[in-house]
Amino acid sequence: MKAAESSVASVPWRTVVVDEAPLMREAIRHCLEGDGRFVVVGEAAAAARALELVSVHKPALVVTELALPGRSGLELIRDVRAQFADVRVLVFTACDERLYAARALRAGARGFLHKRADGSALAAAARQVMSGRIAVETDLALHLVEELVGGNPRVMGSLQTLTDRELEVLRLLGRARTVREIATALHLSPKTVETHKVNLMHKLGIRSSAELLRFALQWAEDELLGRTVADSLAGTSPGTESPEPVADSSTAGGRPVRKRSG
């Protein structure tokens, strides 16, 4: 094992960078190649192109944003792990780590770093992933442990109850996408997207599509400004009643959670 790691370390680790923003991809390339132990062999703005690059270049590492056009970063992580088991994935994202980190690690990522980190932290996290360890910041590690042993009831009772697919629908609503646009991006039918919207309203205690859209837009703005899940929740105004959840076979994970009275 040590010999294999030493051999890999003797040459730069081939890396694919995935981010919708060209300037961000350039910055990541600069940080990693400046470290001297990485060489970026491909860049992609979307998950489909990223998979093509991984297939062609056989990188050791993929550094990806989660918020991508079309298929999400979470889906990309699963695809990479399923098709290229030896490739390691580091998430470098502006998404709220308290909501996404556990999901990304469960999907198969080996590290999670928020974009508030500096270039040296990114390079250090990439080295840690390539050394075979999980790379997360100390505060995030503590949060993950708290979540494992019980978590914050308020957060766990709302956004954390959403399935990955529901979270993707909410994210795209926050980008002001229509139902038809969301259906196209996620390869779903418009009816299925409407089903996810009903379940979102139920789980978040929201009474109407208009309120759901306002929540999604506020949540998207909070993520852009680096606010947390709790900040988004503080801005909601749950109604006294919420729509009944709709059963849907395409929804991944768990029964809809019924809103508690009182």
C-alpha atoms as a PDB file:
ATOM      1  CA  MET A   1       0.000   0.000   0.000  1.00  0.00           C
ATOM      2  CA  LYS A   2       2.758   2.444   0.979  1.00  0.00           C
ATOM      3  CA  ALA A   3       4.743   1.555  -2.113  1.00  0.00           C
ATOM      4  CA  ALA A   4       1.744   2.141  -4.338  1.00  0.00           C
ATOM      5  CA  GLU A   5       1.066   5.515  -2.736  1.00  0.00           C
ATOM      6  CA  SER A   6       4.736   6.474  -3.119  1.00  0.00           C
ATOM      7  CA  SER A   7       4.673   5.539  -6.778  1.00  0.00           C
ATOM      8  CA  VAL A   8       1.550   7.607  -7.401  1.00  0.00           C
ATOM      9  CA  ALA A   9       3.058  10.541  -5.519  1.00  0.00           C
ATOM     10  CA  SER A  10       6.138  10.529  -7.774  1.00  0.00           C
ATOM     11  CA  VAL A  11       4.132  12.077 -10.621  1.00  0.00           C
ATOM     12  CA  PRO A  12       1.386  14.787 -10.529  1.00  0.00           C
ATOM     13  CA  TRP A  13      -2.108  13.442  -9.866  1.00  0.00           C
ATOM     14  CA  ARG A  14      -4.249  13.773 -12.961  1.00  0.00           C
ATOM     15  CA  THR A  15      -7.327  15.835 -12.106  1.00  0.00           C
ATOM     16  CA  VAL A  16     -10.627  16.802 -13.721  1.00  0.00           C
ATOM     17  CA  VAL A  17     -12.280  20.028 -12.525  1.00  0.00           C
ATOM     18  CA  VAL A  18     -16.067  20.435 -12.739  1.00  0.00           C
ATOM     19  CA  ASP A  19     -17.715  23.818 -12.220  1.00  0.00           C
ATOM     20  CA  GLU A  20     -20.239  25.827 -14.224  1.00  0.00           C
ATOM     21  CA  ALA A  21     -18.167  29.021 -13.948  1.00  0.00           C
ATOM     22  CA  PRO A  22     -15.079  29.234 -16.228  1.00  0.00           C
ATOM     23  CA  LEU A  23     -13.352  31.674 -13.870  1.00  0.00           C
ATOM     24  CA  MET A  24     -13.797  29.295 -10.941  1.00  0.00           C
ATOM     25  CA  ARG A  25     -12.391  26.392 -12.977  1.00  0.00           C
ATOM     26  CA  GLU A  26      -9.372  28.532 -13.820  1.00  0.00           C
ATOM     27  CA  ALA A  27      -8.885  29.438 -10.144  1.00  0.00           C
ATOM     28  CA  ILE A  28      -9.082  25.782  -9.076  1.00  0.00           C
ATOM     29  CA  ARG A  29      -6.585  24.823 -11.765  1.00  0.00           C
ATOM     30  CA  HIS A  30      -4.227  27.560 -10.573  1.00  0.00           C
ATOM     31  CA  CYS A  31      -4.465  26.423  -6.934  1.00  0.00           C
ATOM     32  CA  LEU A  32      -3.943  22.739  -7.665  1.00  0.00           C
ATOM     33  CA  GLU A  33      -1.189  23.033 -10.256  1.00  0.00           C
ATOM     34  CA  GLY A  34       0.546  25.635  -8.089  1.00  0.00           C
ATOM     35  CA  ASP A  35       0.826  22.957  -5.415  1.00  0.00           C
ATOM     36  CA  GLY A  36       3.024  20.944  -7.771  1.00  0.00           C
ATOM     37  CA  ARG A  37       1.342  17.600  -7.095  1.00  0.00           C
ATOM     38  CA  PHE A  38      -1.624  17.932  -9.444  1.00  0.00           C
ATOM     39  CA  VAL A  39      -2.092  18.434 -13.165  1.00  0.00           C
ATOM     40  CA  VAL A  40      -5.528  19.369 -14.500  1.00  0.00           C
ATOM     41  CA  VAL A  41      -6.198  17.236 -17.592  1.00  0.00           C
ATOM     42  CA  GLY A  42      -9.769  18.348 -18.213  1.00  0.00           C
ATOM     43  CA  GLU A  43     -12.436  20.881 -17.277  1.00  0.00           C
ATOM     44  CA  ALA A  44     -16.216  20.562 -17.517  1.00  0.00           C
ATOM     45  CA  ALA A  45     -19.205  22.789 -16.825  1.00  0.00           C
ATOM     46  CA  ALA A  46     -21.709  19.938 -16.458  1.00  0.00           C
ATOM     47  CA  ALA A  47     -21.907  16.357 -15.202  1.00  0.00           C
ATOM     48  CA  ALA A  48     -22.334  14.677 -18.586  1.00  0.00           C
ATOM     49  CA  ARG A  49     -19.190  16.270 -19.991  1.00  0.00           C
ATOM     50  CA  ALA A  50     -17.319  15.480 -16.763  1.00  0.00           C
ATOM     51  CA  LEU A  51     -18.080  11.764 -17.151  1.00  0.00           C
ATOM     52  CA  GLU A  52     -16.772  11.873 -20.720  1.00  0.00           C
ATOM     53  CA  LEU A  53     -13.533  13.471 -19.534  1.00  0.00           C
ATOM     54  CA  VAL A  54     -13.104  10.916 -16.743  1.00  0.00           C
ATOM     55  CA  SER A  55     -13.577   8.107 -19.263  1.00  0.00           C
ATOM     56  CA  VAL A  56     -11.002   9.588 -21.657  1.00  0.00           C
ATOM     57  CA  HIS A  57      -8.331  10.878 -19.262  1.00  0.00           C
ATOM     58  CA  LYS A  58      -8.588   8.334 -16.403  1.00  0.00           C
ATOM     59  CA  PRO A  59      -7.827  10.913 -13.685  1.00  0.00           C
ATOM     60  CA  ALA A  60      -6.958  10.095 -10.095  1.00  0.00           C
ATOM     61  CA  LEU A  61      -9.139  12.944  -8.761  1.00  0.00           C
ATOM     62  CA  VAL A  62     -12.305  14.836  -9.665  1.00  0.00           C
ATOM     63  CA  VAL A  63     -12.913  18.207  -7.989  1.00  0.00           C
ATOM     64  CA  THR A  64     -16.546  19.193  -8.423  1.00  0.00           C
ATOM     65  CA  GLU A  65     -19.156  21.772  -7.524  1.00  0.00           C
ATOM     66  CA  LEU A  66     -22.535  20.341  -6.486  1.00  0.00           C
ATOM     67  CA  ALA A  67     -24.718  22.983  -8.141  1.00  0.00           C
ATOM     68  CA  LEU A  68     -24.362  22.108 -11.818  1.00  0.00           C
ATOM     69  CA  PRO A  69     -26.682  22.637 -14.786  1.00  0.00           C
ATOM     70  CA  GLY A  70     -28.709  19.506 -15.507  1.00  0.00           C
ATOM     71  CA  ARG A  71     -27.606  16.502 -13.468  1.00  0.00           C
ATOM     72  CA  SER A  72     -26.384  17.524 -10.049  1.00  0.00           C
ATOM     73  CA  GLY A  73     -22.982  17.075  -8.471  1.00  0.00           C
ATOM     74  CA  LEU A  74     -24.463  14.423  -6.186  1.00  0.00           C
ATOM     75  CA  GLU A  75     -25.492  12.393  -9.218  1.00  0.00           C
ATOM     76  CA  LEU A  76     -22.073  12.929 -10.756  1.00  0.00           C
ATOM     77  CA  ILE A  77     -20.406  11.565  -7.620  1.00  0.00           C
ATOM     78  CA  ARG A  78     -22.563   8.428  -7.745  1.00  0.00           C
ATOM     79  CA  ASP A  79     -21.853   7.950 -11.447  1.00  0.00           C
ATOM     80  CA  VAL A  80     -18.100   8.342 -10.988  1.00  0.00           C
ATOM     81  CA  ARG A  81     -18.039   5.906  -8.080  1.00  0.00           C
ATOM     82  CA  ALA A  82     -20.159   3.369  -9.989  1.00  0.00           C
ATOM     83  CA  GLN A  83     -18.231   3.554 -13.262  1.00  0.00           C
ATOM     84  CA  PHE A  84     -14.701   4.473 -12.124  1.00  0.00           C
ATOM     85  CA  ALA A  85     -14.217   3.031  -8.652  1.00  0.00           C
ATOM     86  CA  ASP A  86     -10.554   4.098  -8.381  1.00  0.00           C
ATOM     87  CA  VAL A  87     -11.287   7.782  -9.025  1.00  0.00           C
ATOM     88  CA  ARG A  88     -11.567   9.905  -5.880  1.00  0.00           C
ATOM     89  CA  VAL A  89     -13.940  12.865  -5.643  1.00  0.00           C
ATOM     90  CA  LEU A  90     -13.472  16.093  -3.707  1.00  0.00           C
ATOM     91  CA  VAL A  91     -16.460  18.445  -3.458  1.00  0.00           C
ATOM     92  CA  PHE A  92     -15.596  22.154  -3.629  1.00  0.00           C
ATOM     93  CA  THR A  93     -18.872  24.020  -3.459  1.00  0.00           C
ATOM     94  CA  ALA A  94     -20.805  27.107  -2.449  1.00  0.00           C
ATOM     95  CA  CYS A  95     -23.685  24.911  -1.222  1.00  0.00           C
ATOM     96  CA  ASP A  96     -24.447  24.827   2.504  1.00  0.00           C
ATOM     97  CA  GLU A  97     -22.192  22.160   3.995  1.00  0.00           C
ATOM     98  CA  ARG A  98     -24.609  21.479   6.864  1.00  0.00           C
ATOM     99  CA  LEU A  99     -27.180  20.347   4.341  1.00  0.00           C
ATOM    100  CA  TYR A 100     -25.034  18.780   1.628  1.00  0.00           C
ATOM    101  CA  ALA A 101     -21.870  17.367   3.197  1.00  0.00           C
ATOM    102  CA  ALA A 102     -23.348  14.164   4.593  1.00  0.00           C
ATOM    103  CA  ARG A 103     -25.239  13.582   1.339  1.00  0.00           C
ATOM    104  CA  ALA A 104     -22.053  14.037  -0.713  1.00  0.00           C
ATOM    105  CA  LEU A 105     -20.020  11.709   1.505  1.00  0.00           C
ATOM    106  CA  ARG A 106     -22.761   9.068   1.406  1.00  0.00           C
ATOM    107  CA  ALA A 107     -22.786   9.359  -2.388  1.00  0.00           C
ATOM    108  CA  GLY A 108     -19.078   8.503  -2.432  1.00  0.00           C
ATOM    109  CA  ALA A 109     -17.125  11.764  -2.152  1.00  0.00           C
ATOM    110  CA  ARG A 110     -13.896  11.563  -0.137  1.00  0.00           C
ATOM    111  CA  GLY A 111     -13.827  15.219   0.857  1.00  0.00           C
ATOM    112  CA  PHE A 112     -16.014  18.296   1.198  1.00  0.00           C
ATOM    113  CA  LEU A 113     -14.787  21.892   1.247  1.00  0.00           C
ATOM    114  CA  HIS A 114     -16.781  25.114   1.069  1.00  0.00           C
ATOM    115  CA  LYS A 115     -15.707  27.803  -1.375  1.00  0.00           C
ATOM    116  CA  ARG A 116     -15.082  30.233   1.454  1.00  0.00           C
ATOM    117  CA  ALA A 117     -11.784  28.344   1.939  1.00  0.00           C
ATOM    118  CA  ASP A 118      -8.575  29.696   0.429  1.00  0.00           C
ATOM    119  CA  GLY A 119      -6.386  28.105  -2.229  1.00  0.00           C
ATOM    120  CA  SER A 120      -3.988  26.490   0.218  1.00  0.00           C
ATOM    121  CA  ALA A 121      -6.917  24.775   1.979  1.00  0.00           C
ATOM    122  CA  LEU A 122      -8.155  23.420  -1.349  1.00  0.00           C
ATOM    123  CA  ALA A 123      -4.753  21.981  -2.209  1.00  0.00           C
ATOM    124  CA  ALA A 124      -4.414  20.528   1.295  1.00  0.00           C
ATOM    125  CA  ALA A 125      -7.858  18.893   1.071  1.00  0.00           C
ATOM    126  CA  ALA A 126      -6.982  17.422  -2.333  1.00  0.00           C
ATOM    127  CA  ARG A 127      -3.721  15.985  -0.938  1.00  0.00           C
ATOM    128  CA  GLN A 128      -5.611  14.522   2.015  1.00  0.00           C
ATOM    129  CA  VAL A 129      -8.129  12.845  -0.280  1.00  0.00           C
ATOM    130  CA  MET A 130      -5.317  11.415  -2.378  1.00  0.00           C
ATOM    131  CA  SER A 131      -3.613  10.094   0.754  1.00  0.00           C
ATOM    132  CA  GLY A 132      -6.690   7.950   1.384  1.00  0.00           C
ATOM    133  CA  ARG A 133      -8.279  10.018   4.135  1.00  0.00           C
ATOM    134  CA  ILE A 134     -11.588  11.893   4.358  1.00  0.00           C
ATOM    135  CA  ALA A 135     -11.062  15.649   4.022  1.00  0.00           C
ATOM    136  CA  VAL A 136     -13.486  17.930   5.897  1.00  0.00           C
ATOM    137  CA  GLU A 137     -12.939  21.036   7.997  1.00  0.00           C
ATOM    138  CA  THR A 138     -12.983  20.666  11.800  1.00  0.00           C
ATOM    139  CA  ASP A 139     -16.272  22.510  12.331  1.00  0.00           C
ATOM    140  CA  LEU A 140     -17.947  20.415   9.664  1.00  0.00           C
ATOM    141  CA  ALA A 141     -16.598  17.205  11.186  1.00  0.00           C
ATOM    142  CA  LEU A 142     -18.131  18.194  14.535  1.00  0.00           C
ATOM    143  CA  HIS A 143     -21.450  18.957  12.851  1.00  0.00           C
ATOM    144  CA  LEU A 144     -21.444  15.558  11.119  1.00  0.00           C
ATOM    145  CA  VAL A 145     -20.852  13.837  14.445  1.00  0.00           C
ATOM    146  CA  GLU A 146     -23.698  15.835  16.038  1.00  0.00           C
ATOM    147  CA  GLU A 147     -25.967  14.874  13.149  1.00  0.00           C
ATOM    148  CA  LEU A 148     -25.013  11.230  13.579  1.00  0.00           C
ATOM    149  CA  VAL A 149     -25.866  11.169  17.283  1.00  0.00           C
ATOM    150  CA  GLY A 150     -29.035  13.225  17.160  1.00  0.00           C
ATOM    151  CA  GLY A 151     -28.663  16.456  15.291  1.00  0.00           C
ATOM    152  CA  ASN A 152     -30.487  19.748  15.457  1.00  0.00           C
ATOM    153  CA  PRO A 153     -34.205  18.865  15.667  1.00  0.00           C
ATOM    154  CA  ARG A 154     -35.307  21.966  13.807  1.00  0.00           C
ATOM    155  CA  VAL A 155     -32.978  21.419  10.873  1.00  0.00           C
ATOM    156  CA  MET A 156     -33.509  17.658  10.866  1.00  0.00           C
ATOM    157  CA  GLY A 157     -37.274  18.230  10.825  1.00  0.00           C
ATOM    158  CA  SER A 158     -37.302  20.306   7.648  1.00  0.00           C
ATOM    159  CA  LEU A 159     -34.639  20.641   4.947  1.00  0.00           C
ATOM    160  CA  GLN A 160     -32.768  17.582   6.171  1.00  0.00           C
ATOM    161  CA  THR A 161     -35.868  15.446   5.626  1.00  0.00           C
ATOM    162  CA  LEU A 162     -35.848  16.179   1.886  1.00  0.00           C
ATOM    163  CA  THR A 163     -34.689  13.498  -0.490  1.00  0.00           C
ATOM    164  CA  ASP A 164     -31.802  14.319  -2.814  1.00  0.00           C
ATOM    165  CA  ARG A 165     -34.256  14.687  -5.704  1.00  0.00           C
ATOM    166  CA  GLU A 166     -36.510  17.037  -3.747  1.00  0.00           C
ATOM    167  CA  LEU A 167     -33.475  19.109  -2.840  1.00  0.00           C
ATOM    168  CA  GLU A 168     -32.542  19.350  -6.520  1.00  0.00           C
ATOM    169  CA  VAL A 169     -36.054  20.506  -7.413  1.00  0.00           C
ATOM    170  CA  LEU A 170     -35.874  23.120  -4.655  1.00  0.00           C
ATOM    171  CA  ARG A 171     -32.477  24.303  -5.915  1.00  0.00           C
ATOM    172  CA  LEU A 172     -33.764  24.725  -9.458  1.00  0.00           C
ATOM    173  CA  LEU A 173     -36.880  26.530  -8.219  1.00  0.00           C
ATOM    174  CA  GLY A 174     -34.454  28.862  -6.458  1.00  0.00           C
ATOM    175  CA  ARG A 175     -32.914  29.561  -9.849  1.00  0.00           C
ATOM    176  CA  ALA A 176     -36.362  30.628 -11.067  1.00  0.00           C
ATOM    177  CA  ARG A 177     -36.734  27.601 -13.363  1.00  0.00           C
ATOM    178  CA  THR A 178     -40.206  26.590 -14.525  1.00  0.00           C
ATOM    179  CA  VAL A 179     -41.649  23.136 -13.938  1.00  0.00           C
ATOM    180  CA  ARG A 180     -41.012  22.223 -17.569  1.00  0.00           C
ATOM    181  CA  GLU A 181     -37.402  23.462 -17.378  1.00  0.00           C
ATOM    182  CA  ILE A 182     -36.824  21.483 -14.171  1.00  0.00           C
ATOM    183  CA  ALA A 183     -38.321  18.376 -15.770  1.00  0.00           C
ATOM    184  CA  THR A 184     -35.975  18.712 -18.740  1.00  0.00           C
ATOM    185  CA  ALA A 185     -32.897  19.345 -16.585  1.00  0.00           C
ATOM    186  CA  LEU A 186     -33.569  16.352 -14.319  1.00  0.00           C
ATOM    187  CA  HIS A 187     -34.951  14.030 -17.012  1.00  0.00           C
ATOM    188  CA  LEU A 188     -38.333  13.810 -15.292  1.00  0.00           C
ATOM    189  CA  SER A 189     -41.907  14.352 -16.408  1.00  0.00           C
ATOM    190  CA  PRO A 190     -43.593  17.662 -15.457  1.00  0.00           C
ATOM    191  CA  LYS A 191     -46.109  15.620 -13.433  1.00  0.00           C
ATOM    192  CA  THR A 192     -43.286  14.119 -11.359  1.00  0.00           C
ATOM    193  CA  VAL A 193     -41.838  17.585 -10.711  1.00  0.00           C
ATOM    194  CA  GLU A 194     -45.279  18.742  -9.524  1.00  0.00           C
ATOM    195  CA  THR A 195     -45.372  15.739  -7.185  1.00  0.00           C
ATOM    196  CA  HIS A 196     -42.007  16.749  -5.728  1.00  0.00           C
ATOM    197  CA  LYS A 197     -43.299  20.308  -5.269  1.00  0.00           C
ATOM    198  CA  VAL A 198     -46.293  19.042  -3.269  1.00  0.00           C
ATOM    199  CA  ASN A 199     -44.000  16.962  -1.049  1.00  0.00           C
ATOM    200  CA  LEU A 200     -41.670  19.940  -0.590  1.00  0.00           C
ATOM    201  CA  MET A 201     -44.590  22.088   0.541  1.00  0.00           C
ATOM    202  CA  HIS A 202     -45.700  19.431   2.998  1.00  0.00           C
ATOM    203  CA  LYS A 203     -42.270  18.836   4.502  1.00  0.00           C
ATOM    204  CA  LEU A 204     -41.448  22.548   4.764  1.00  0.00           C
ATOM    205  CA  GLY A 205     -44.864  23.534   6.096  1.00  0.00           C
ATOM    206  CA  ILE A 206     -45.590  25.811   3.135  1.00  0.00           C
ATOM    207  CA  ARG A 207     -49.180  26.374   1.950  1.00  0.00           C
ATOM    208  CA  SER A 208     -48.885  27.418  -1.688  1.00  0.00           C
ATOM    209  CA  SER A 209     -46.695  27.240  -4.776  1.00  0.00           C
ATOM    210  CA  ALA A 210     -46.088  30.985  -4.514  1.00  0.00           C
ATOM    211  CA  GLU A 211     -44.768  30.610  -0.953  1.00  0.00           C
ATOM    212  CA  LEU A 212     -42.610  27.675  -2.035  1.00  0.00           C
ATOM    213  CA  LEU A 213     -41.105  29.783  -4.815  1.00  0.00           C
ATOM    214  CA  ARG A 214     -40.374  32.625  -2.379  1.00  0.00           C
ATOM    215  CA  PHE A 215     -38.711  30.180   0.008  1.00  0.00           C
ATOM    216  CA  ALA A 216     -36.632  28.630  -2.802  1.00  0.00           C
ATOM    217  CA  LEU A 217     -35.489  32.027  -4.066  1.00  0.00           C
ATOM    218  CA  GLN A 218     -34.540  33.120  -0.537  1.00  0.00           C
ATOM    219  CA  TRP A 219     -32.720  29.847   0.085  1.00  0.00           C
ATOM    220  CA  ALA A 220     -30.782  30.230  -3.174  1.00  0.00           C
ATOM    221  CA  GLU A 221     -29.816  33.781  -2.190  1.00  0.00           C
ATOM    222  CA  ASP A 222     -28.727  32.597   1.265  1.00  0.00           C
ATOM    223  CA  GLU A 223     -26.456  29.972  -0.303  1.00  0.00           C
ATOM    224  CA  LEU A 224     -24.997  32.566  -2.646  1.00  0.00           C
ATOM    225  CA  LEU A 225     -24.209  34.810   0.330  1.00  0.00           C
ATOM    226  CA  GLY A 226     -22.857  31.947   2.430  1.00  0.00           C
ATOM    227  CA  ARG A 227     -25.691  31.809   4.934  1.00  0.00           C
ATOM    228  CA  THR A 228     -26.691  28.543   6.605  1.00  0.00           C
ATOM    229  CA  VAL A 229     -29.731  26.292   6.662  1.00  0.00           C
ATOM    230  CA  ALA A 230     -30.885  27.926   9.890  1.00  0.00           C
ATOM    231  CA  ASP A 231     -30.893  31.331   8.187  1.00  0.00           C
ATOM    232  CA  SER A 232     -33.199  30.023   5.461  1.00  0.00           C
ATOM    233  CA  LEU A 233     -35.510  28.477   8.020  1.00  0.00           C
ATOM    234  CA  ALA A 234     -35.659  31.709   9.984  1.00  0.00           C
ATOM    235  CA  GLY A 235     -37.129  33.407   6.942  1.00  0.00           C
ATOM    236  CA  THR A 236     -40.019  30.963   6.481  1.00  0.00           C
ATOM    237  CA  SER A 237     -43.567  31.492   7.588  1.00  0.00           C
ATOM    238  CA  PRO A 238     -45.080  28.017   7.864  1.00  0.00           C
ATOM    239  CA  GLY A 239     -48.834  27.857   7.458  1.00  0.00           C
ATOM    240  CA  THR A 240     -51.263  26.193   9.768  1.00  0.00           C
ATOM    241  CA  GLU A 241     -51.938  23.559   7.153  1.00  0.00           C
ATOM    242  CA  SER A 242     -49.805  21.956   4.504  1.00  0.00           C
ATOM    243  CA  PRO A 243     -50.654  19.784   1.499  1.00  0.00           C
ATOM    244  CA  GLU A 244     -50.784  16.052   1.993  1.00  0.00           C
ATOM    245  CA  PRO A 245     -47.684  14.336   0.571  1.00  0.00           C
ATOM    246  CA  VAL A 246     -48.088  12.534  -2.725  1.00  0.00           C
ATOM    247  CA  ALA A 247     -46.669   9.046  -3.063  1.00  0.00           C
ATOM    248  CA  ASP A 248     -44.257   8.815  -5.984  1.00  0.00           C
ATOM    249  CA  SER A 249     -42.090   5.868  -6.952  1.00  0.00           C
ATOM    250  CA  SER A 250     -39.362   8.123  -8.389  1.00  0.00           C
ATOM    251  CA  THR A 251     -38.773   9.882  -5.079  1.00  0.00           C
ATOM    252  CA  ALA A 252     -35.611   8.471  -3.519  1.00  0.00           C
ATOM    253  CA  GLY A 253     -35.670   7.661   0.162  1.00  0.00           C
ATOM    254  CA  GLY A 254     -38.052   7.686   3.083  1.00  0.00           C
ATOM    255  CA  ARG A 255     -41.726   8.380   3.720  1.00  0.00           C
ATOM    256  CA  PRO A 256     -42.971  11.966   3.668  1.00  0.00           C
ATOM    257  CA  VAL A 257     -42.856  13.393   7.183  1.00  0.00           C
ATOM    258  CA  ARG A 258     -46.175  14.597   8.525  1.00  0.00           C
ATOM    259  CA  LYS A 259     -46.208  18.034  10.067  1.00  0.00           C
ATOM    260  CA  ARG A 260     -46.681  17.976  13.829  1.00  0.00           C
ATOM    261  CA  SER A 261     -49.529  19.990  15.267  1.00  0.00           C
ATOM    262  CA  GLY A 262     -48.929  22.724  17.824  1.00  0.00           C
END
